[in-house]
């Protein structure tokens, strides 16, 4: 295995460490959306920010039961911290594809990027500029929609775009908070 390849969380010590932190933060073993927001210090967001956090939560909630359990939590950490770039791009695509139809349209991308800006405060360009640039660069057949293939190949062949997407949608800060626990006790 090369140095940059994905390494799953497999040591018993590391697993126990995550488990004890997860159970300390979430004694029921089931993290609700409300607890997820509280854990990340993201209560009281505007509606766009709330929408984004709900999308992230829903994608981490693999069995769609309305809670993130420990296995889903570990899967999320593995993806965000150790996932290969194509795994992350598939995850980002799922995040943007709000209606789940397998394509991202401009409205979906604009909506999610606006929400992300509300949380991250990332403002080197407006949500409209970002959305137009993405479509201009990677909507190869100009149909106003991006398929998963268009999205992944478009982002992978454009280093600037890859950097922008990775920085804009980086969730490792979110997971660092989860990993390290809240900075203050409640």
C-alpha atoms as a PDB file:
ATOM      1  CA  UNK A   1       0.000   0.000   0.000  1.00  0.00           C
ATOM      2  CA  UNK A   2       1.280   3.477  -0.905  1.00  0.00           C
ATOM      3  CA  UNK A   3       1.626   6.226   1.672  1.00  0.00           C
ATOM      4  CA  UNK A   4      -1.453   8.104   0.427  1.00  0.00           C
ATOM      5  CA  UNK A   5      -3.810   5.147   0.278  1.00  0.00           C
ATOM      6  CA  UNK A   6      -6.853   4.890   2.469  1.00  0.00           C
ATOM      7  CA  UNK A   7      -6.250   3.069   5.740  1.00  0.00           C
ATOM      8  CA  UNK A   8      -9.362   1.975   7.598  1.00  0.00           C
ATOM      9  CA  UNK A   9      -9.656   2.436  11.336  1.00  0.00           C
ATOM     10  CA  UNK A  10      -8.675  -1.037  12.377  1.00  0.00           C
ATOM     11  CA  UNK A  11      -6.659  -0.930  15.554  1.00  0.00           C
ATOM     12  CA  UNK A  12      -8.577  -2.076  18.592  1.00  0.00           C
ATOM     13  CA  UNK A  13      -7.082   0.751  20.633  1.00  0.00           C
ATOM     14  CA  UNK A  14      -8.194   3.381  18.115  1.00  0.00           C
ATOM     15  CA  UNK A  15     -11.658   1.837  17.831  1.00  0.00           C
ATOM     16  CA  UNK A  16     -12.043   1.789  21.622  1.00  0.00           C
ATOM     17  CA  UNK A  17     -10.909   5.437  21.754  1.00  0.00           C
ATOM     18  CA  UNK A  18     -13.593   6.489  19.239  1.00  0.00           C
ATOM     19  CA  UNK A  19     -16.214   4.347  20.917  1.00  0.00           C
ATOM     20  CA  UNK A  20     -15.627   5.847  24.365  1.00  0.00           C
ATOM     21  CA  UNK A  21     -15.728   9.383  22.919  1.00  0.00           C
ATOM     22  CA  UNK A  22     -18.880   8.651  20.961  1.00  0.00           C
ATOM     23  CA  UNK A  23     -20.613   7.167  24.019  1.00  0.00           C
ATOM     24  CA  UNK A  24     -19.471  10.064  26.211  1.00  0.00           C
ATOM     25  CA  UNK A  25     -20.967  12.570  23.768  1.00  0.00           C
ATOM     26  CA  UNK A  26     -23.982  10.415  23.003  1.00  0.00           C
ATOM     27  CA  UNK A  27     -24.813   8.000  25.873  1.00  0.00           C
ATOM     28  CA  UNK A  28     -27.855   6.575  24.058  1.00  0.00           C
ATOM     29  CA  UNK A  29     -25.608   5.361  21.226  1.00  0.00           C
ATOM     30  CA  UNK A  30     -27.957   7.116  18.781  1.00  0.00           C
ATOM     31  CA  UNK A  31     -27.020  10.617  17.675  1.00  0.00           C
ATOM     32  CA  UNK A  32     -30.075  12.634  16.602  1.00  0.00           C
ATOM     33  CA  UNK A  33     -29.947  15.625  14.244  1.00  0.00           C
ATOM     34  CA  UNK A  34     -30.462  17.948  17.230  1.00  0.00           C
ATOM     35  CA  UNK A  35     -27.550  16.316  19.128  1.00  0.00           C
ATOM     36  CA  UNK A  36     -25.414  16.408  15.977  1.00  0.00           C
ATOM     37  CA  UNK A  37     -25.927  20.190  15.667  1.00  0.00           C
ATOM     38  CA  UNK A  38     -25.309  20.670  19.390  1.00  0.00           C
ATOM     39  CA  UNK A  39     -22.134  18.575  19.238  1.00  0.00           C
ATOM     40  CA  UNK A  40     -20.802  20.760  16.417  1.00  0.00           C
ATOM     41  CA  UNK A  41     -21.944  24.022  18.014  1.00  0.00           C
ATOM     42  CA  UNK A  42     -24.193  24.696  15.011  1.00  0.00           C
ATOM     43  CA  UNK A  43     -27.534  25.533  16.592  1.00  0.00           C
ATOM     44  CA  UNK A  44     -29.368  28.668  15.494  1.00  0.00           C
ATOM     45  CA  UNK A  45     -28.165  28.616  11.892  1.00  0.00           C
ATOM     46  CA  UNK A  46     -30.079  30.356   9.154  1.00  0.00           C
ATOM     47  CA  UNK A  47     -32.402  28.104   7.090  1.00  0.00           C
ATOM     48  CA  UNK A  48     -29.731  27.521   4.417  1.00  0.00           C
ATOM     49  CA  UNK A  49     -27.155  26.446   7.007  1.00  0.00           C
ATOM     50  CA  UNK A  50     -29.723  24.176   8.646  1.00  0.00           C
ATOM     51  CA  UNK A  51     -30.477  22.584   5.275  1.00  0.00           C
ATOM     52  CA  UNK A  52     -26.790  21.787   4.729  1.00  0.00           C
ATOM     53  CA  UNK A  53     -26.289  20.249   8.172  1.00  0.00           C
ATOM     54  CA  UNK A  54     -29.437  18.160   7.677  1.00  0.00           C
ATOM     55  CA  UNK A  55     -28.066  16.911   4.309  1.00  0.00           C
ATOM     56  CA  UNK A  56     -24.722  15.987   5.918  1.00  0.00           C
ATOM     57  CA  UNK A  57     -26.545  14.214   8.735  1.00  0.00           C
ATOM     58  CA  UNK A  58     -28.811  12.329   6.296  1.00  0.00           C
ATOM     59  CA  UNK A  59     -25.829  11.122   4.274  1.00  0.00           C
ATOM     60  CA  UNK A  60     -24.006   9.931   7.408  1.00  0.00           C
ATOM     61  CA  UNK A  61     -27.239   8.182   8.510  1.00  0.00           C
ATOM     62  CA  UNK A  62     -26.664   5.238   6.183  1.00  0.00           C
ATOM     63  CA  UNK A  63     -29.746   3.225   7.171  1.00  0.00           C
ATOM     64  CA  UNK A  64     -31.945   6.363   7.173  1.00  0.00           C
ATOM     65  CA  UNK A  65     -33.403   5.692  10.631  1.00  0.00           C
ATOM     66  CA  UNK A  66     -33.027   9.311  11.762  1.00  0.00           C
ATOM     67  CA  UNK A  67     -29.982   8.630  13.950  1.00  0.00           C
ATOM     68  CA  UNK A  68     -26.243   8.230  13.482  1.00  0.00           C
ATOM     69  CA  UNK A  69     -25.073   5.146  15.360  1.00  0.00           C
ATOM     70  CA  UNK A  70     -21.486   4.201  16.140  1.00  0.00           C
ATOM     71  CA  UNK A  71     -20.900   2.199  12.937  1.00  0.00           C
ATOM     72  CA  UNK A  72     -22.231   5.048  10.789  1.00  0.00           C
ATOM     73  CA  UNK A  73     -20.048   7.439  12.780  1.00  0.00           C
ATOM     74  CA  UNK A  74     -16.928   5.332  12.105  1.00  0.00           C
ATOM     75  CA  UNK A  75     -17.818   5.080   8.404  1.00  0.00           C
ATOM     76  CA  UNK A  76     -18.088   8.883   8.241  1.00  0.00           C
ATOM     77  CA  UNK A  77     -14.733   9.402   9.967  1.00  0.00           C
ATOM     78  CA  UNK A  78     -13.079   6.878   7.667  1.00  0.00           C
ATOM     79  CA  UNK A  79     -14.462   8.586   4.570  1.00  0.00           C
ATOM     80  CA  UNK A  80     -13.685  12.169   5.496  1.00  0.00           C
ATOM     81  CA  UNK A  81     -10.291  11.638   7.102  1.00  0.00           C
ATOM     82  CA  UNK A  82      -8.949   8.649   5.186  1.00  0.00           C
ATOM     83  CA  UNK A  83     -11.116   8.325   2.088  1.00  0.00           C
ATOM     84  CA  UNK A  84      -9.638   8.347  -1.395  1.00  0.00           C
ATOM     85  CA  UNK A  85     -10.504  11.366  -3.522  1.00  0.00           C
ATOM     86  CA  UNK A  86     -12.994   9.523  -5.732  1.00  0.00           C
ATOM     87  CA  UNK A  87     -14.852   8.271  -2.623  1.00  0.00           C
ATOM     88  CA  UNK A  88     -15.006  11.842  -1.354  1.00  0.00           C
ATOM     89  CA  UNK A  89     -16.212  13.138  -4.723  1.00  0.00           C
ATOM     90  CA  UNK A  90     -18.996  10.535  -4.758  1.00  0.00           C
ATOM     91  CA  UNK A  91     -19.952  11.704  -1.268  1.00  0.00           C
ATOM     92  CA  UNK A  92     -19.929  15.370  -2.331  1.00  0.00           C
ATOM     93  CA  UNK A  93     -22.072  14.487  -5.347  1.00  0.00           C
ATOM     94  CA  UNK A  94     -24.595  12.794  -3.068  1.00  0.00           C
ATOM     95  CA  UNK A  95     -24.598  15.896  -0.877  1.00  0.00           C
ATOM     96  CA  UNK A  96     -25.353  18.224  -3.811  1.00  0.00           C
ATOM     97  CA  UNK A  97     -27.939  15.944  -5.431  1.00  0.00           C
ATOM     98  CA  UNK A  98     -30.698  17.107  -3.080  1.00  0.00           C
ATOM     99  CA  UNK A  99     -33.571  15.386  -4.882  1.00  0.00           C
ATOM    100  CA  UNK A 100     -31.605  12.145  -5.328  1.00  0.00           C
ATOM    101  CA  UNK A 101     -32.283  11.889  -9.086  1.00  0.00           C
ATOM    102  CA  UNK A 102     -28.645  11.122  -9.986  1.00  0.00           C
ATOM    103  CA  UNK A 103     -27.932  14.583 -11.460  1.00  0.00           C
ATOM    104  CA  UNK A 104     -26.983  17.921  -9.974  1.00  0.00           C
ATOM    105  CA  UNK A 105     -28.642  20.972 -11.475  1.00  0.00           C
ATOM    106  CA  UNK A 106     -27.630  24.607 -10.955  1.00  0.00           C
ATOM    107  CA  UNK A 107     -30.360  25.213  -8.392  1.00  0.00           C
ATOM    108  CA  UNK A 108     -29.172  22.301  -6.216  1.00  0.00           C
ATOM    109  CA  UNK A 109     -25.527  23.377  -6.384  1.00  0.00           C
ATOM    110  CA  UNK A 110     -26.395  27.010  -5.705  1.00  0.00           C
ATOM    111  CA  UNK A 111     -28.532  26.033  -2.728  1.00  0.00           C
ATOM    112  CA  UNK A 112     -25.925  23.799  -1.078  1.00  0.00           C
ATOM    113  CA  UNK A 113     -23.049  26.211  -1.728  1.00  0.00           C
ATOM    114  CA  UNK A 114     -25.059  29.093  -0.233  1.00  0.00           C
ATOM    115  CA  UNK A 115     -25.670  26.913   2.828  1.00  0.00           C
ATOM    116  CA  UNK A 116     -21.984  26.002   3.122  1.00  0.00           C
ATOM    117  CA  UNK A 117     -20.977  29.660   2.886  1.00  0.00           C
ATOM    118  CA  UNK A 118     -23.397  30.399   5.735  1.00  0.00           C
ATOM    119  CA  UNK A 119     -21.489  27.942   7.929  1.00  0.00           C
ATOM    120  CA  UNK A 120     -17.880  28.262   6.750  1.00  0.00           C
ATOM    121  CA  UNK A 121     -17.948  31.937   5.858  1.00  0.00           C
ATOM    122  CA  UNK A 122     -15.974  31.017   2.722  1.00  0.00           C
ATOM    123  CA  UNK A 123     -16.482  33.983   0.396  1.00  0.00           C
ATOM    124  CA  UNK A 124     -13.760  34.240  -2.253  1.00  0.00           C
ATOM    125  CA  UNK A 125     -16.639  34.168  -4.746  1.00  0.00           C
ATOM    126  CA  UNK A 126     -20.413  34.357  -4.569  1.00  0.00           C
ATOM    127  CA  UNK A 127     -22.515  31.207  -4.664  1.00  0.00           C
ATOM    128  CA  UNK A 128     -23.708  32.226  -8.151  1.00  0.00           C
ATOM    129  CA  UNK A 129     -20.136  32.691  -9.425  1.00  0.00           C
ATOM    130  CA  UNK A 130     -19.111  29.343  -7.955  1.00  0.00           C
ATOM    131  CA  UNK A 131     -22.088  27.522  -9.479  1.00  0.00           C
ATOM    132  CA  UNK A 132     -21.603  29.106 -12.927  1.00  0.00           C
ATOM    133  CA  UNK A 133     -17.875  28.323 -12.895  1.00  0.00           C
ATOM    134  CA  UNK A 134     -18.486  24.656 -11.986  1.00  0.00           C
ATOM    135  CA  UNK A 135     -21.027  24.217 -14.769  1.00  0.00           C
ATOM    136  CA  UNK A 136     -18.901  26.112 -17.298  1.00  0.00           C
ATOM    137  CA  UNK A 137     -15.912  23.886 -16.537  1.00  0.00           C
ATOM    138  CA  UNK A 138     -17.471  20.440 -16.216  1.00  0.00           C
ATOM    139  CA  UNK A 139     -20.928  20.308 -17.846  1.00  0.00           C
ATOM    140  CA  UNK A 140     -19.429  18.875 -21.029  1.00  0.00           C
ATOM    141  CA  UNK A 141     -22.699  18.315 -22.880  1.00  0.00           C
ATOM    142  CA  UNK A 142     -24.143  21.670 -21.712  1.00  0.00           C
ATOM    143  CA  UNK A 143     -27.455  20.151 -20.625  1.00  0.00           C
ATOM    144  CA  UNK A 144     -27.539  22.118 -17.356  1.00  0.00           C
ATOM    145  CA  UNK A 145     -27.101  18.977 -15.269  1.00  0.00           C
ATOM    146  CA  UNK A 146     -24.063  17.148 -13.986  1.00  0.00           C
ATOM    147  CA  UNK A 147     -24.029  13.366 -13.824  1.00  0.00           C
ATOM    148  CA  UNK A 148     -21.785  11.597 -11.319  1.00  0.00           C
ATOM    149  CA  UNK A 149     -19.355  10.742 -14.171  1.00  0.00           C
ATOM    150  CA  UNK A 150     -19.218  14.346 -15.422  1.00  0.00           C
ATOM    151  CA  UNK A 151     -18.710  15.602 -11.891  1.00  0.00           C
ATOM    152  CA  UNK A 152     -15.918  13.194 -10.919  1.00  0.00           C
ATOM    153  CA  UNK A 153     -13.982  13.358 -14.196  1.00  0.00           C
ATOM    154  CA  UNK A 154     -14.427  17.139 -14.421  1.00  0.00           C
ATOM    155  CA  UNK A 155     -13.148  17.793 -10.927  1.00  0.00           C
ATOM    156  CA  UNK A 156     -10.314  15.233 -11.181  1.00  0.00           C
ATOM    157  CA  UNK A 157      -8.897  16.792 -14.367  1.00  0.00           C
ATOM    158  CA  UNK A 158      -8.938  20.372 -13.038  1.00  0.00           C
ATOM    159  CA  UNK A 159      -6.511  20.956 -10.145  1.00  0.00           C
ATOM    160  CA  UNK A 160      -7.887  24.411  -9.265  1.00  0.00           C
ATOM    161  CA  UNK A 161     -11.416  23.089  -9.129  1.00  0.00           C
ATOM    162  CA  UNK A 162     -10.325  20.098  -7.043  1.00  0.00           C
ATOM    163  CA  UNK A 163      -8.649  22.420  -4.536  1.00  0.00           C
ATOM    164  CA  UNK A 164     -11.661  24.741  -4.434  1.00  0.00           C
ATOM    165  CA  UNK A 165     -14.147  21.903  -3.892  1.00  0.00           C
ATOM    166  CA  UNK A 166     -11.954  20.226  -1.298  1.00  0.00           C
ATOM    167  CA  UNK A 167     -11.500  23.459   0.662  1.00  0.00           C
ATOM    168  CA  UNK A 168     -15.084  24.637   0.336  1.00  0.00           C
ATOM    169  CA  UNK A 169     -16.658  21.372   1.368  1.00  0.00           C
ATOM    170  CA  UNK A 170     -14.019  20.076   3.732  1.00  0.00           C
ATOM    171  CA  UNK A 171     -15.747  18.328   6.603  1.00  0.00           C
ATOM    172  CA  UNK A 172     -12.622  17.382   8.498  1.00  0.00           C
ATOM    173  CA  UNK A 173     -13.178  20.344  10.836  1.00  0.00           C
ATOM    174  CA  UNK A 174     -16.641  19.013  11.582  1.00  0.00           C
ATOM    175  CA  UNK A 175     -15.222  15.576  12.320  1.00  0.00           C
ATOM    176  CA  UNK A 176     -12.353  16.968  14.400  1.00  0.00           C
ATOM    177  CA  UNK A 177     -14.951  18.451  16.718  1.00  0.00           C
ATOM    178  CA  UNK A 178     -16.667  15.064  16.892  1.00  0.00           C
ATOM    179  CA  UNK A 179     -13.360  13.247  17.433  1.00  0.00           C
ATOM    180  CA  UNK A 180     -12.039  15.586  20.095  1.00  0.00           C
ATOM    181  CA  UNK A 181     -15.335  16.249  21.798  1.00  0.00           C
ATOM    182  CA  UNK A 182     -16.812  19.640  22.538  1.00  0.00           C
ATOM    183  CA  UNK A 183     -14.423  22.308  23.728  1.00  0.00           C
ATOM    184  CA  UNK A 184     -16.818  23.155  26.566  1.00  0.00           C
ATOM    185  CA  UNK A 185     -19.033  20.950  28.649  1.00  0.00           C
ATOM    186  CA  UNK A 186     -22.753  21.552  28.664  1.00  0.00           C
END
